[in-house]
PDB file of N, CA and C in Angstrom:
ATOM      1  N   MET A   1     -19.336  -9.612  31.476  1.00  0.00           N
ATOM      2  CA  MET A   1     -19.168 -10.762  31.975  1.00  0.00           C
ATOM      3  C   MET A   1     -20.175 -11.839  32.319  1.00  0.00           C
ATOM      4  N   LYS A   2     -21.471 -11.127  32.177  1.00  0.00           N
ATOM      5  CA  LYS A   2     -22.505 -12.001  32.248  1.00  0.00           C
ATOM      6  C   LYS A   2     -22.694 -12.977  30.981  1.00  0.00           C
ATOM      7  N   ASP A   3     -22.235 -12.292  29.709  1.00  0.00           N
ATOM      8  CA  ASP A   3     -22.391 -12.909  28.457  1.00  0.00           C
ATOM      9  C   ASP A   3     -21.582 -14.126  28.294  1.00  0.00           C
ATOM     10  N   LYS A   4     -20.388 -14.139  29.097  1.00  0.00           N
ATOM     11  CA  LYS A   4     -19.413 -15.079  29.065  1.00  0.00           C
ATOM     12  C   LYS A   4     -19.927 -16.547  29.962  1.00  0.00           C
ATOM     13  N   ALA A   5     -20.541 -16.155  31.057  1.00  0.00           N
ATOM     14  CA  ALA A   5     -21.154 -17.113  31.867  1.00  0.00           C
ATOM     15  C   ALA A   5     -22.386 -17.987  31.066  1.00  0.00           C
ATOM     16  N   ILE A   6     -23.297 -17.006  30.438  1.00  0.00           N
ATOM     17  CA  ILE A   6     -24.266 -17.498  29.793  1.00  0.00           C
ATOM     18  C   ILE A   6     -23.922 -18.345  28.787  1.00  0.00           C
ATOM     19  N   ARG A   7     -22.792 -18.129  27.890  1.00  0.00           N
ATOM     20  CA  ARG A   7     -22.407 -18.881  26.624  1.00  0.00           C
ATOM     21  C   ARG A   7     -21.765 -20.128  27.359  1.00  0.00           C
ATOM     22  N   PHE A   8     -21.058 -20.133  28.385  1.00  0.00           N
ATOM     23  CA  PHE A   8     -20.494 -21.174  29.083  1.00  0.00           C
ATOM     24  C   PHE A   8     -21.790 -22.234  29.345  1.00  0.00           C
ATOM     25  N   GLU A   9     -22.873 -21.847  29.977  1.00  0.00           N
ATOM     26  CA  GLU A   9     -23.748 -22.615  30.289  1.00  0.00           C
ATOM     27  C   GLU A   9     -24.609 -23.288  28.987  1.00  0.00           C
ATOM     28  N   TYR A  10     -24.615 -22.459  27.923  1.00  0.00           N
ATOM     29  CA  TYR A  10     -25.257 -22.943  26.648  1.00  0.00           C
ATOM     30  C   TYR A  10     -24.156 -24.274  26.182  1.00  0.00           C
ATOM     31  N   ARG A  11     -23.015 -24.121  26.195  1.00  0.00           N
ATOM     32  CA  ARG A  11     -21.965 -24.824  25.983  1.00  0.00           C
ATOM     33  C   ARG A  11     -22.099 -26.241  26.712  1.00  0.00           C
ATOM     34  N   LYS A  12     -22.390 -26.101  27.954  1.00  0.00           N
ATOM     35  CA  LYS A  12     -22.332 -27.238  28.935  1.00  0.00           C
ATOM     36  C   LYS A  12     -23.728 -27.937  28.625  1.00  0.00           C
ATOM     37  N   ARG A  13     -24.691 -27.325  28.420  1.00  0.00           N
ATOM     38  CA  ARG A  13     -26.114 -27.993  28.219  1.00  0.00           C
ATOM     39  C   ARG A  13     -25.984 -28.781  26.879  1.00  0.00           C
ATOM     40  N   ARG A  14     -25.315 -28.080  25.862  1.00  0.00           N
ATOM     41  CA  ARG A  14     -25.256 -28.527  24.485  1.00  0.00           C
ATOM     42  C   ARG A  14     -24.586 -29.882  24.987  1.00  0.00           C
ATOM     43  N   VAL A  15     -23.420 -29.996  25.375  1.00  0.00           N
ATOM     44  CA  VAL A  15     -22.402 -31.023  25.755  1.00  0.00           C
ATOM     45  C   VAL A  15     -23.256 -32.266  26.245  1.00  0.00           C
ATOM     46  N   HIS A  16     -24.075 -31.920  27.326  1.00  0.00           N
ATOM     47  CA  HIS A  16     -24.685 -32.972  28.001  1.00  0.00           C
ATOM     48  C   HIS A  16     -25.774 -33.243  27.676  1.00  0.00           C
ATOM     49  N   ASP A  17     -26.368 -32.613  26.775  1.00  0.00           N
ATOM     50  CA  ASP A  17     -27.741 -33.221  25.739  1.00  0.00           C
ATOM     51  C   ASP A  17     -27.191 -34.239  24.870  1.00  0.00           C
ATOM     52  N   ARG A  18     -25.973 -34.047  24.038  1.00  0.00           N
ATOM     53  CA  ARG A  18     -25.496 -34.913  23.524  1.00  0.00           C
ATOM     54  C   ARG A  18     -24.926 -36.097  24.048  1.00  0.00           C
ATOM     55  N   ILE A  19     -24.355 -36.061  25.103  1.00  0.00           N
ATOM     56  CA  ILE A  19     -23.819 -36.996  25.921  1.00  0.00           C
ATOM     57  C   ILE A  19     -25.167 -38.059  26.283  1.00  0.00           C
ATOM     58  N   LYS A  20     -25.973 -37.534  26.702  1.00  0.00           N
ATOM     59  CA  LYS A  20     -27.325 -38.204  26.965  1.00  0.00           C
ATOM     60  C   LYS A  20     -27.784 -39.250  25.812  1.00  0.00           C
ATOM     61  N   GLU A  21     -27.649 -38.655  24.915  1.00  0.00           N
ATOM     62  CA  GLU A  21     -28.087 -39.457  23.385  1.00  0.00           C
ATOM     63  C   GLU A  21     -27.225 -40.516  23.232  1.00  0.00           C
ATOM     64  N   ALA A  22     -26.023 -40.348  23.246  1.00  0.00           N
ATOM     65  CA  ALA A  22     -25.037 -41.283  23.099  1.00  0.00           C
ATOM     66  C   ALA A  22     -24.615 -42.355  24.067  1.00  0.00           C
ATOM     67  N   ALA A  23     -25.259 -41.980  25.429  1.00  0.00           N
ATOM     68  CA  ALA A  23     -24.706 -42.729  26.302  1.00  0.00           C
ATOM     69  C   ALA A  23     -25.085 -44.284  26.464  1.00  0.00           C
ATOM     70  N   ASN A  24     -26.560 -44.471  26.037  1.00  0.00           N
ATOM     71  CA  ASN A  24     -27.005 -45.839  26.094  1.00  0.00           C
ATOM     72  C   ASN A  24     -26.833 -46.511  27.411  1.00  0.00           C
ATOM     73  N   GLY A  25     -27.253 -45.978  28.304  1.00  0.00           N
ATOM     74  CA  GLY A  25     -26.839 -46.384  29.895  1.00  0.00           C
ATOM     75  C   GLY A  25     -25.398 -46.661  30.313  1.00  0.00           C
ATOM     76  N   LEU A  26     -24.588 -45.965  29.793  1.00  0.00           N
ATOM     77  CA  LEU A  26     -23.100 -46.012  30.435  1.00  0.00           C
ATOM     78  C   LEU A  26     -22.931 -44.747  31.280  1.00  0.00           C
ATOM     79  N   PRO A  27     -22.154 -45.109  32.211  1.00  0.00           N
ATOM     80  CA  PRO A  27     -22.007 -43.765  33.336  1.00  0.00           C
ATOM     81  C   PRO A  27     -20.882 -43.047  32.418  1.00  0.00           C
ATOM     82  N   ARG A  28     -21.072 -41.703  33.143  1.00  0.00           N
ATOM     83  CA  ARG A  28     -20.165 -40.739  32.448  1.00  0.00           C
ATOM     84  C   ARG A  28     -19.380 -40.167  33.357  1.00  0.00           C
ATOM     85  N   LEU A  29     -17.873 -39.855  32.505  1.00  0.00           N
ATOM     86  CA  LEU A  29     -16.913 -39.347  33.422  1.00  0.00           C
ATOM     87  C   LEU A  29     -16.853 -37.780  33.252  1.00  0.00           C
ATOM     88  N   CYS A  30     -17.491 -37.064  34.521  1.00  0.00           N
ATOM     89  CA  CYS A  30     -17.638 -35.834  34.461  1.00  0.00           C
ATOM     90  C   CYS A  30     -16.622 -35.016  34.989  1.00  0.00           C
ATOM     91  N   VAL A  31     -16.016 -33.911  34.088  1.00  0.00           N
ATOM     92  CA  VAL A  31     -14.387 -33.332  34.683  1.00  0.00           C
ATOM     93  C   VAL A  31     -14.857 -31.897  34.874  1.00  0.00           C
ATOM     94  N   ARG A  32     -14.664 -31.251  35.920  1.00  0.00           N
ATOM     95  CA  ARG A  32     -14.744 -30.018  36.239  1.00  0.00           C
ATOM     96  C   ARG A  32     -13.306 -29.271  36.681  1.00  0.00           C
ATOM     97  N   ARG A  33     -13.038 -28.111  35.942  1.00  0.00           N
ATOM     98  CA  ARG A  33     -11.785 -27.558  36.194  1.00  0.00           C
ATOM     99  C   ARG A  33     -12.201 -26.049  37.092  1.00  0.00           C
ATOM    100  N   SER A  34     -11.492 -25.939  38.050  1.00  0.00           N
ATOM    101  CA  SER A  34     -11.711 -24.906  38.974  1.00  0.00           C
ATOM    102  C   SER A  34     -10.350 -23.882  38.729  1.00  0.00           C
ATOM    103  N   LEU A  35     -10.393 -22.714  39.386  1.00  0.00           N
ATOM    104  CA  LEU A  35      -9.278 -21.766  39.295  1.00  0.00           C
ATOM    105  C   LEU A  35      -8.079 -22.458  40.144  1.00  0.00           C
ATOM    106  N   LYS A  36      -8.255 -23.380  40.956  1.00  0.00           N
ATOM    107  CA  LYS A  36      -7.325 -24.242  42.001  1.00  0.00           C
ATOM    108  C   LYS A  36      -7.144 -25.671  41.441  1.00  0.00           C
ATOM    109  N   TYR A  37      -8.256 -26.355  41.239  1.00  0.00           N
ATOM    110  CA  TYR A  37      -8.162 -27.618  41.262  1.00  0.00           C
ATOM    111  C   TYR A  37      -8.877 -28.443  40.261  1.00  0.00           C
ATOM    112  N   PHE A  38      -8.624 -29.829  40.084  1.00  0.00           N
ATOM    113  CA  PHE A  38      -9.238 -30.670  39.151  1.00  0.00           C
ATOM    114  C   PHE A  38     -10.164 -31.461  39.762  1.00  0.00           C
ATOM    115  N   TYR A  39     -11.330 -31.804  39.280  1.00  0.00           N
ATOM    116  CA  TYR A  39     -12.078 -32.676  40.008  1.00  0.00           C
ATOM    117  C   TYR A  39     -12.961 -33.596  39.042  1.00  0.00           C
ATOM    118  N   ALA A  40     -13.028 -34.687  39.016  1.00  0.00           N
ATOM    119  CA  ALA A  40     -13.548 -35.696  38.102  1.00  0.00           C
ATOM    120  C   ALA A  40     -14.279 -36.947  38.853  1.00  0.00           C
ATOM    121  N   GLN A  41     -15.497 -37.091  38.455  1.00  0.00           N
ATOM    122  CA  GLN A  41     -16.458 -38.174  38.765  1.00  0.00           C
ATOM    123  C   GLN A  41     -17.035 -39.018  37.652  1.00  0.00           C
ATOM    124  N   VAL A  42     -17.193 -40.355  38.088  1.00  0.00           N
ATOM    125  CA  VAL A  42     -17.860 -41.321  37.471  1.00  0.00           C
ATOM    126  C   VAL A  42     -19.482 -41.342  38.059  1.00  0.00           C
ATOM    127  N   ILE A  43     -20.134 -40.883  37.373  1.00  0.00           N
ATOM    128  CA  ILE A  43     -21.660 -40.906  37.326  1.00  0.00           C
ATOM    129  C   ILE A  43     -22.696 -41.798  36.996  1.00  0.00           C
ATOM    130  N   ASP A  44     -23.476 -42.708  37.696  1.00  0.00           N
ATOM    131  CA  ASP A  44     -24.413 -43.399  36.573  1.00  0.00           C
ATOM    132  C   ASP A  44     -25.836 -42.384  36.885  1.00  0.00           C
ATOM    133  N   ASP A  45     -26.208 -41.852  35.612  1.00  0.00           N
ATOM    134  CA  ASP A  45     -27.281 -41.204  35.601  1.00  0.00           C
ATOM    135  C   ASP A  45     -28.620 -42.101  35.644  1.00  0.00           C
ATOM    136  N   VAL A  46     -28.583 -43.341  35.438  1.00  0.00           N
ATOM    137  CA  VAL A  46     -29.864 -44.105  35.699  1.00  0.00           C
ATOM    138  C   VAL A  46     -30.270 -44.119  36.802  1.00  0.00           C
ATOM    139  N   LYS A  47     -29.359 -44.541  37.867  1.00  0.00           N
ATOM    140  CA  LYS A  47     -29.351 -44.705  39.270  1.00  0.00           C
ATOM    141  C   LYS A  47     -29.402 -43.332  40.210  1.00  0.00           C
ATOM    142  N   GLY A  48     -28.655 -42.442  39.377  1.00  0.00           N
ATOM    143  CA  GLY A  48     -28.624 -41.219  40.149  1.00  0.00           C
ATOM    144  C   GLY A  48     -27.498 -41.245  41.325  1.00  0.00           C
ATOM    145  N   VAL A  49     -26.293 -41.991  41.165  1.00  0.00           N
ATOM    146  CA  VAL A  49     -25.150 -41.826  42.118  1.00  0.00           C
ATOM    147  C   VAL A  49     -23.896 -41.813  41.272  1.00  0.00           C
ATOM    148  N   THR A  50     -23.072 -41.379  42.323  1.00  0.00           N
ATOM    149  CA  THR A  50     -21.646 -41.445  41.960  1.00  0.00           C
ATOM    150  C   THR A  50     -20.942 -42.416  42.259  1.00  0.00           C
ATOM    151  N   ILE A  51     -20.273 -43.145  41.319  1.00  0.00           N
ATOM    152  CA  ILE A  51     -19.493 -44.454  41.565  1.00  0.00           C
ATOM    153  C   ILE A  51     -18.073 -44.432  41.907  1.00  0.00           C
ATOM    154  N   ALA A  52     -17.473 -43.176  41.371  1.00  0.00           N
ATOM    155  CA  ALA A  52     -16.052 -43.001  41.690  1.00  0.00           C
ATOM    156  C   ALA A  52     -15.907 -41.394  41.434  1.00  0.00           C
ATOM    157  N   CYS A  53     -14.829 -40.984  42.535  1.00  0.00           N
ATOM    158  CA  CYS A  53     -14.563 -39.799  42.380  1.00  0.00           C
ATOM    159  C   CYS A  53     -13.006 -39.273  42.841  1.00  0.00           C
ATOM    160  N   ALA A  54     -12.479 -38.111  42.167  1.00  0.00           N
ATOM    161  CA  ALA A  54     -11.188 -38.094  42.303  1.00  0.00           C
ATOM    162  C   ALA A  54     -10.838 -36.630  42.112  1.00  0.00           C
ATOM    163  N   ASP A  55     -10.036 -36.156  42.877  1.00  0.00           N
ATOM    164  CA  ASP A  55      -9.502 -34.569  42.489  1.00  0.00           C
ATOM    165  C   ASP A  55      -8.090 -34.322  43.001  1.00  0.00           C
ATOM    166  N   SER A  56      -7.864 -33.152  42.696  1.00  0.00           N
ATOM    167  CA  SER A  56      -6.321 -32.571  42.857  1.00  0.00           C
ATOM    168  C   SER A  56      -6.023 -32.023  44.130  1.00  0.00           C
ATOM    169  N   ARG A  57      -6.971 -32.029  45.009  1.00  0.00           N
ATOM    170  CA  ARG A  57      -6.771 -31.035  46.258  1.00  0.00           C
ATOM    171  C   ARG A  57      -5.609 -31.980  47.125  1.00  0.00           C
ATOM    172  N   PRO A  58      -4.647 -31.382  47.770  1.00  0.00           N
ATOM    173  CA  PRO A  58      -3.866 -31.840  48.540  1.00  0.00           C
ATOM    174  C   PRO A  58      -4.620 -32.396  50.043  1.00  0.00           C
ATOM    175  N   GLU A  59      -3.993 -33.383  50.384  1.00  0.00           N
ATOM    176  CA  GLU A  59      -4.285 -33.933  51.745  1.00  0.00           C
ATOM    177  C   GLU A  59      -4.490 -32.896  52.787  1.00  0.00           C
ATOM    178  N   LYS A  60      -3.343 -32.247  52.706  1.00  0.00           N
ATOM    179  CA  LYS A  60      -3.439 -30.861  53.912  1.00  0.00           C
ATOM    180  C   LYS A  60      -3.410 -29.645  53.179  1.00  0.00           C
ATOM    181  N   ALA A  61      -3.652 -28.783  53.876  1.00  0.00           N
ATOM    182  CA  ALA A  61      -3.713 -27.403  53.351  1.00  0.00           C
ATOM    183  C   ALA A  61      -2.272 -26.958  52.683  1.00  0.00           C
ATOM    184  N   GLY A  62      -2.379 -26.731  51.570  1.00  0.00           N
ATOM    185  CA  GLY A  62      -1.181 -26.375  50.575  1.00  0.00           C
ATOM    186  C   GLY A  62      -1.429 -25.538  49.434  1.00  0.00           C
ATOM    187  N   PRO A  63      -0.395 -25.635  48.493  1.00  0.00           N
ATOM    188  CA  PRO A  63      -0.743 -24.675  47.473  1.00  0.00           C
ATOM    189  C   PRO A  63      -1.692 -25.394  46.249  1.00  0.00           C
ATOM    190  N   CYS A  64      -2.171 -24.397  45.498  1.00  0.00           N
ATOM    191  CA  CYS A  64      -3.056 -25.123  44.693  1.00  0.00           C
ATOM    192  C   CYS A  64      -2.387 -25.775  43.573  1.00  0.00           C
ATOM    193  N   ARG A  65      -3.261 -26.709  42.927  1.00  0.00           N
ATOM    194  CA  ARG A  65      -2.718 -27.780  42.002  1.00  0.00           C
ATOM    195  C   ARG A  65      -3.443 -27.950  40.861  1.00  0.00           C
ATOM    196  N   LYS A  66      -2.886 -26.901  39.910  1.00  0.00           N
ATOM    197  CA  LYS A  66      -3.696 -27.000  38.598  1.00  0.00           C
ATOM    198  C   LYS A  66      -2.714 -27.114  37.529  1.00  0.00           C
ATOM    199  N   SER A  67      -1.784 -27.915  37.739  1.00  0.00           N
ATOM    200  CA  SER A  67      -0.786 -28.145  36.712  1.00  0.00           C
ATOM    201  C   SER A  67      -0.822 -29.156  35.426  1.00  0.00           C
ATOM    202  N   LEU A  68      -0.529 -29.349  34.501  1.00  0.00           N
ATOM    203  CA  LEU A  68      -0.670 -30.470  33.598  1.00  0.00           C
ATOM    204  C   LEU A  68      -0.581 -31.915  34.175  1.00  0.00           C
ATOM    205  N   ASN A  69       0.663 -31.931  35.124  1.00  0.00           N
ATOM    206  CA  ASN A  69       0.759 -33.172  35.702  1.00  0.00           C
ATOM    207  C   ASN A  69      -0.243 -33.537  36.796  1.00  0.00           C
ATOM    208  N   ASP A  70      -0.847 -32.675  37.484  1.00  0.00           N
ATOM    209  CA  ASP A  70      -1.936 -33.036  38.075  1.00  0.00           C
ATOM    210  C   ASP A  70      -3.080 -33.352  37.681  1.00  0.00           C
ATOM    211  N   ALA A  71      -3.460 -32.697  36.686  1.00  0.00           N
ATOM    212  CA  ALA A  71      -4.505 -33.244  35.757  1.00  0.00           C
ATOM    213  C   ALA A  71      -4.203 -34.710  35.283  1.00  0.00           C
ATOM    214  N   LYS A  72      -3.075 -35.151  34.725  1.00  0.00           N
ATOM    215  CA  LYS A  72      -2.683 -36.430  34.519  1.00  0.00           C
ATOM    216  C   LYS A  72      -2.981 -37.265  35.718  1.00  0.00           C
ATOM    217  N   SER A  73      -2.593 -36.946  36.901  1.00  0.00           N
ATOM    218  CA  SER A  73      -2.515 -37.566  37.958  1.00  0.00           C
ATOM    219  C   SER A  73      -4.194 -38.002  38.268  1.00  0.00           C
ATOM    220  N   VAL A  74      -5.004 -36.992  38.042  1.00  0.00           N
ATOM    221  CA  VAL A  74      -6.071 -37.200  38.688  1.00  0.00           C
ATOM    222  C   VAL A  74      -7.174 -38.066  37.609  1.00  0.00           C
ATOM    223  N   GLY A  75      -6.423 -38.022  36.145  1.00  0.00           N
ATOM    224  CA  GLY A  75      -6.953 -38.890  35.388  1.00  0.00           C
ATOM    225  C   GLY A  75      -6.805 -40.340  35.664  1.00  0.00           C
ATOM    226  N   LYS A  76      -5.428 -40.599  35.945  1.00  0.00           N
ATOM    227  CA  LYS A  76      -5.072 -42.021  36.457  1.00  0.00           C
ATOM    228  C   LYS A  76      -5.672 -42.331  37.497  1.00  0.00           C
ATOM    229  N   LEU A  77      -5.796 -41.420  38.626  1.00  0.00           N
ATOM    230  CA  LEU A  77      -6.495 -42.216  40.183  1.00  0.00           C
ATOM    231  C   LEU A  77      -8.071 -42.241  39.473  1.00  0.00           C
ATOM    232  N   ILE A  78      -8.881 -41.695  38.729  1.00  0.00           N
ATOM    233  CA  ILE A  78     -10.355 -41.918  38.535  1.00  0.00           C
ATOM    234  C   ILE A  78     -10.568 -43.146  37.644  1.00  0.00           C
ATOM    235  N   ALA A  79      -9.301 -43.296  36.785  1.00  0.00           N
ATOM    236  CA  ALA A  79      -9.290 -44.481  36.128  1.00  0.00           C
ATOM    237  C   ALA A  79      -9.209 -45.951  36.998  1.00  0.00           C
ATOM    238  N   GLU A  80      -8.169 -45.835  37.986  1.00  0.00           N
ATOM    239  CA  GLU A  80      -8.090 -46.966  38.829  1.00  0.00           C
ATOM    240  C   GLU A  80      -9.464 -47.205  39.642  1.00  0.00           C
ATOM    241  N   ARG A  81      -9.771 -45.996  40.201  1.00  0.00           N
ATOM    242  CA  ARG A  81     -10.932 -46.154  40.920  1.00  0.00           C
ATOM    243  C   ARG A  81     -12.418 -46.697  40.377  1.00  0.00           C
ATOM    244  N   ALA A  82     -12.536 -46.309  38.937  1.00  0.00           N
ATOM    245  CA  ALA A  82     -13.623 -46.675  38.176  1.00  0.00           C
ATOM    246  C   ALA A  82     -13.377 -48.293  37.834  1.00  0.00           C
ATOM    247  N   LEU A  83     -11.967 -48.617  37.611  1.00  0.00           N
ATOM    248  CA  LEU A  83     -11.784 -50.055  37.441  1.00  0.00           C
ATOM    249  C   LEU A  83     -12.219 -50.938  38.518  1.00  0.00           C
ATOM    250  N   LYS A  84     -11.877 -50.555  39.667  1.00  0.00           N
ATOM    251  CA  LYS A  84     -12.171 -51.152  41.055  1.00  0.00           C
ATOM    252  C   LYS A  84     -13.503 -51.215  41.356  1.00  0.00           C
ATOM    253  N   ALA A  85     -14.435 -50.434  40.708  1.00  0.00           N
ATOM    254  CA  ALA A  85     -15.705 -50.271  41.245  1.00  0.00           C
ATOM    255  C   ALA A  85     -16.616 -51.165  39.855  1.00  0.00           C
ATOM    256  N   GLY A  86     -15.609 -51.787  39.017  1.00  0.00           N
ATOM    257  CA  GLY A  86     -16.300 -52.495  37.951  1.00  0.00           C
ATOM    258  C   GLY A  86     -16.673 -51.915  36.776  1.00  0.00           C
ATOM    259  N   ILE A  87     -15.999 -50.557  36.584  1.00  0.00           N
ATOM    260  CA  ILE A  87     -16.635 -49.863  35.253  1.00  0.00           C
ATOM    261  C   ILE A  87     -15.557 -49.672  34.491  1.00  0.00           C
ATOM    262  N   SER A  88     -15.504 -50.165  33.243  1.00  0.00           N
ATOM    263  CA  SER A  88     -14.318 -50.139  32.217  1.00  0.00           C
ATOM    264  C   SER A  88     -14.562 -49.105  31.079  1.00  0.00           C
ATOM    265  N   LYS A  89     -16.084 -48.914  31.036  1.00  0.00           N
ATOM    266  CA  LYS A  89     -16.353 -48.123  29.715  1.00  0.00           C
ATOM    267  C   LYS A  89     -17.234 -47.005  30.134  1.00  0.00           C
ATOM    268  N   VAL A  90     -17.008 -45.589  29.883  1.00  0.00           N
ATOM    269  CA  VAL A  90     -17.830 -44.526  30.259  1.00  0.00           C
ATOM    270  C   VAL A  90     -17.798 -43.416  29.039  1.00  0.00           C
ATOM    271  N   VAL A  91     -18.670 -42.536  29.231  1.00  0.00           N
ATOM    272  CA  VAL A  91     -18.784 -41.429  28.031  1.00  0.00           C
ATOM    273  C   VAL A  91     -18.104 -40.283  28.687  1.00  0.00           C
ATOM    274  N   PHE A  92     -17.214 -39.464  27.961  1.00  0.00           N
ATOM    275  CA  PHE A  92     -16.740 -38.422  28.536  1.00  0.00           C
ATOM    276  C   PHE A  92     -17.461 -37.140  28.420  1.00  0.00           C
ATOM    277  N   ASP A  93     -17.674 -36.424  29.716  1.00  0.00           N
ATOM    278  CA  ASP A  93     -18.391 -35.268  29.682  1.00  0.00           C
ATOM    279  C   ASP A  93     -17.572 -33.962  30.279  1.00  0.00           C
ATOM    280  N   ARG A  94     -17.188 -33.146  29.072  1.00  0.00           N
ATOM    281  CA  ARG A  94     -16.174 -32.363  29.588  1.00  0.00           C
ATOM    282  C   ARG A  94     -16.627 -30.949  30.176  1.00  0.00           C
ATOM    283  N   GLY A  95     -18.183 -30.984  30.088  1.00  0.00           N
ATOM    284  CA  GLY A  95     -18.852 -30.222  30.831  1.00  0.00           C
ATOM    285  C   GLY A  95     -18.688 -28.500  30.274  1.00  0.00           C
ATOM    286  N   GLY A  96     -18.619 -28.538  28.918  1.00  0.00           N
ATOM    287  CA  GLY A  96     -18.467 -27.150  28.469  1.00  0.00           C
ATOM    288  C   GLY A  96     -17.075 -26.391  28.316  1.00  0.00           C
ATOM    289  N   MET A  97     -16.040 -27.329  28.721  1.00  0.00           N
ATOM    290  CA  MET A  97     -14.989 -26.918  28.615  1.00  0.00           C
ATOM    291  C   MET A  97     -14.174 -27.407  27.293  1.00  0.00           C
ATOM    292  N   VAL A  98     -13.166 -26.489  26.811  1.00  0.00           N
ATOM    293  CA  VAL A  98     -12.642 -26.868  25.472  1.00  0.00           C
ATOM    294  C   VAL A  98     -11.568 -28.288  25.612  1.00  0.00           C
ATOM    295  N   TYR A  99     -11.821 -29.239  24.849  1.00  0.00           N
ATOM    296  CA  TYR A  99     -11.164 -30.170  25.047  1.00  0.00           C
ATOM    297  C   TYR A  99      -9.639 -29.993  24.454  1.00  0.00           C
ATOM    298  N   HIS A 100      -8.828 -29.735  25.220  1.00  0.00           N
ATOM    299  CA  HIS A 100      -7.537 -29.026  25.131  1.00  0.00           C
ATOM    300  C   HIS A 100      -6.872 -28.931  26.293  1.00  0.00           C
ATOM    301  N   GLY A 101      -5.504 -29.017  26.106  1.00  0.00           N
ATOM    302  CA  GLY A 101      -4.745 -28.759  27.516  1.00  0.00           C
ATOM    303  C   GLY A 101      -5.078 -29.797  28.481  1.00  0.00           C
ATOM    304  N   ARG A 102      -5.086 -29.170  29.814  1.00  0.00           N
ATOM    305  CA  ARG A 102      -5.236 -29.992  31.029  1.00  0.00           C
ATOM    306  C   ARG A 102      -6.631 -30.934  30.892  1.00  0.00           C
ATOM    307  N   VAL A 103      -7.601 -30.584  30.245  1.00  0.00           N
ATOM    308  CA  VAL A 103      -8.843 -31.378  30.213  1.00  0.00           C
ATOM    309  C   VAL A 103      -8.495 -32.557  29.420  1.00  0.00           C
ATOM    310  N   LYS A 104      -7.791 -32.571  28.189  1.00  0.00           N
ATOM    311  CA  LYS A 104      -7.464 -33.518  27.237  1.00  0.00           C
ATOM    312  C   LYS A 104      -6.149 -34.550  27.824  1.00  0.00           C
ATOM    313  N   ALA A 105      -5.365 -33.695  28.975  1.00  0.00           N
ATOM    314  CA  ALA A 105      -4.344 -34.523  29.447  1.00  0.00           C
ATOM    315  C   ALA A 105      -5.036 -35.684  30.557  1.00  0.00           C
ATOM    316  N   LEU A 106      -6.046 -34.916  31.188  1.00  0.00           N
ATOM    317  CA  LEU A 106      -6.837 -35.752  32.206  1.00  0.00           C
ATOM    318  C   LEU A 106      -7.361 -37.086  31.395  1.00  0.00           C
ATOM    319  N   ALA A 107      -7.954 -36.676  30.072  1.00  0.00           N
ATOM    320  CA  ALA A 107      -8.700 -37.836  29.412  1.00  0.00           C
ATOM    321  C   ALA A 107      -7.669 -38.914  29.111  1.00  0.00           C
ATOM    322  N   ASP A 108      -6.593 -38.367  28.417  1.00  0.00           N
ATOM    323  CA  ASP A 108      -5.526 -39.240  28.196  1.00  0.00           C
ATOM    324  C   ASP A 108      -4.968 -39.951  29.038  1.00  0.00           C
ATOM    325  N   ALA A 109      -4.778 -39.447  30.312  1.00  0.00           N
ATOM    326  CA  ALA A 109      -4.137 -40.518  31.224  1.00  0.00           C
ATOM    327  C   ALA A 109      -5.311 -41.485  31.898  1.00  0.00           C
ATOM    328  N   ALA A 110      -6.426 -41.117  31.746  1.00  0.00           N
ATOM    329  CA  ALA A 110      -7.577 -42.225  32.065  1.00  0.00           C
ATOM    330  C   ALA A 110      -7.746 -43.142  31.178  1.00  0.00           C
ATOM    331  N   ARG A 111      -7.391 -42.605  29.834  1.00  0.00           N
ATOM    332  CA  ARG A 111      -7.274 -43.899  28.687  1.00  0.00           C
ATOM    333  C   ARG A 111      -6.450 -44.726  29.093  1.00  0.00           C
ATOM    334  N   GLU A 112      -5.099 -44.088  29.313  1.00  0.00           N
ATOM    335  CA  GLU A 112      -3.849 -45.089  29.535  1.00  0.00           C
ATOM    336  C   GLU A 112      -4.003 -45.788  30.587  1.00  0.00           C
ATOM    337  N   ALA A 113      -4.867 -45.610  31.589  1.00  0.00           N
ATOM    338  CA  ALA A 113      -4.825 -46.349  32.677  1.00  0.00           C
ATOM    339  C   ALA A 113      -6.032 -47.501  32.434  1.00  0.00           C
ATOM    340  N   GLY A 114      -6.533 -47.672  31.431  1.00  0.00           N
ATOM    341  CA  GLY A 114      -7.480 -48.741  31.139  1.00  0.00           C
ATOM    342  C   GLY A 114      -8.945 -48.270  31.345  1.00  0.00           C
ATOM    343  N   LEU A 115      -9.392 -47.047  30.925  1.00  0.00           N
ATOM    344  CA  LEU A 115     -10.791 -46.753  30.968  1.00  0.00           C
ATOM    345  C   LEU A 115     -11.216 -46.409  29.361  1.00  0.00           C
ATOM    346  N   LYS A 116     -12.161 -46.990  29.208  1.00  0.00           N
ATOM    347  CA  LYS A 116     -12.530 -46.831  27.675  1.00  0.00           C
ATOM    348  C   LYS A 116     -13.716 -45.742  27.470  1.00  0.00           C
ATOM    349  N   PHE A 117     -13.469 -45.015  26.472  1.00  0.00           N
ATOM    350  CA  PHE A 117     -14.511 -43.820  26.053  1.00  0.00           C
ATOM    351  C   PHE A 117     -14.342 -43.509  24.811  1.00  0.00           C
TER     352      PHE A 117
END
């Protein structure tokens, strides 16, 4: 089990290093997928601040929300909040996760809502 966690950290670091090179001062859309929820943040690494954030946690206590539709709603919500904050172009940081399934659905929904990356 430890090997799996170590491999994930290597992938995460490799992706993050590539994003730093390609960013050129652009904020990054950082995605995290836990066992229950999705989290997305638009982060300005130059200033070290979070510009916008969204997640799939329900307002009140309820069941876990980790379906494909929940990922799409988080992608749409993060795009709306980023555009409201004046950010239209970002770099996508998948955080070591495979760009497939729910992560891809989140990214596609953010693109459809007007965010460019």
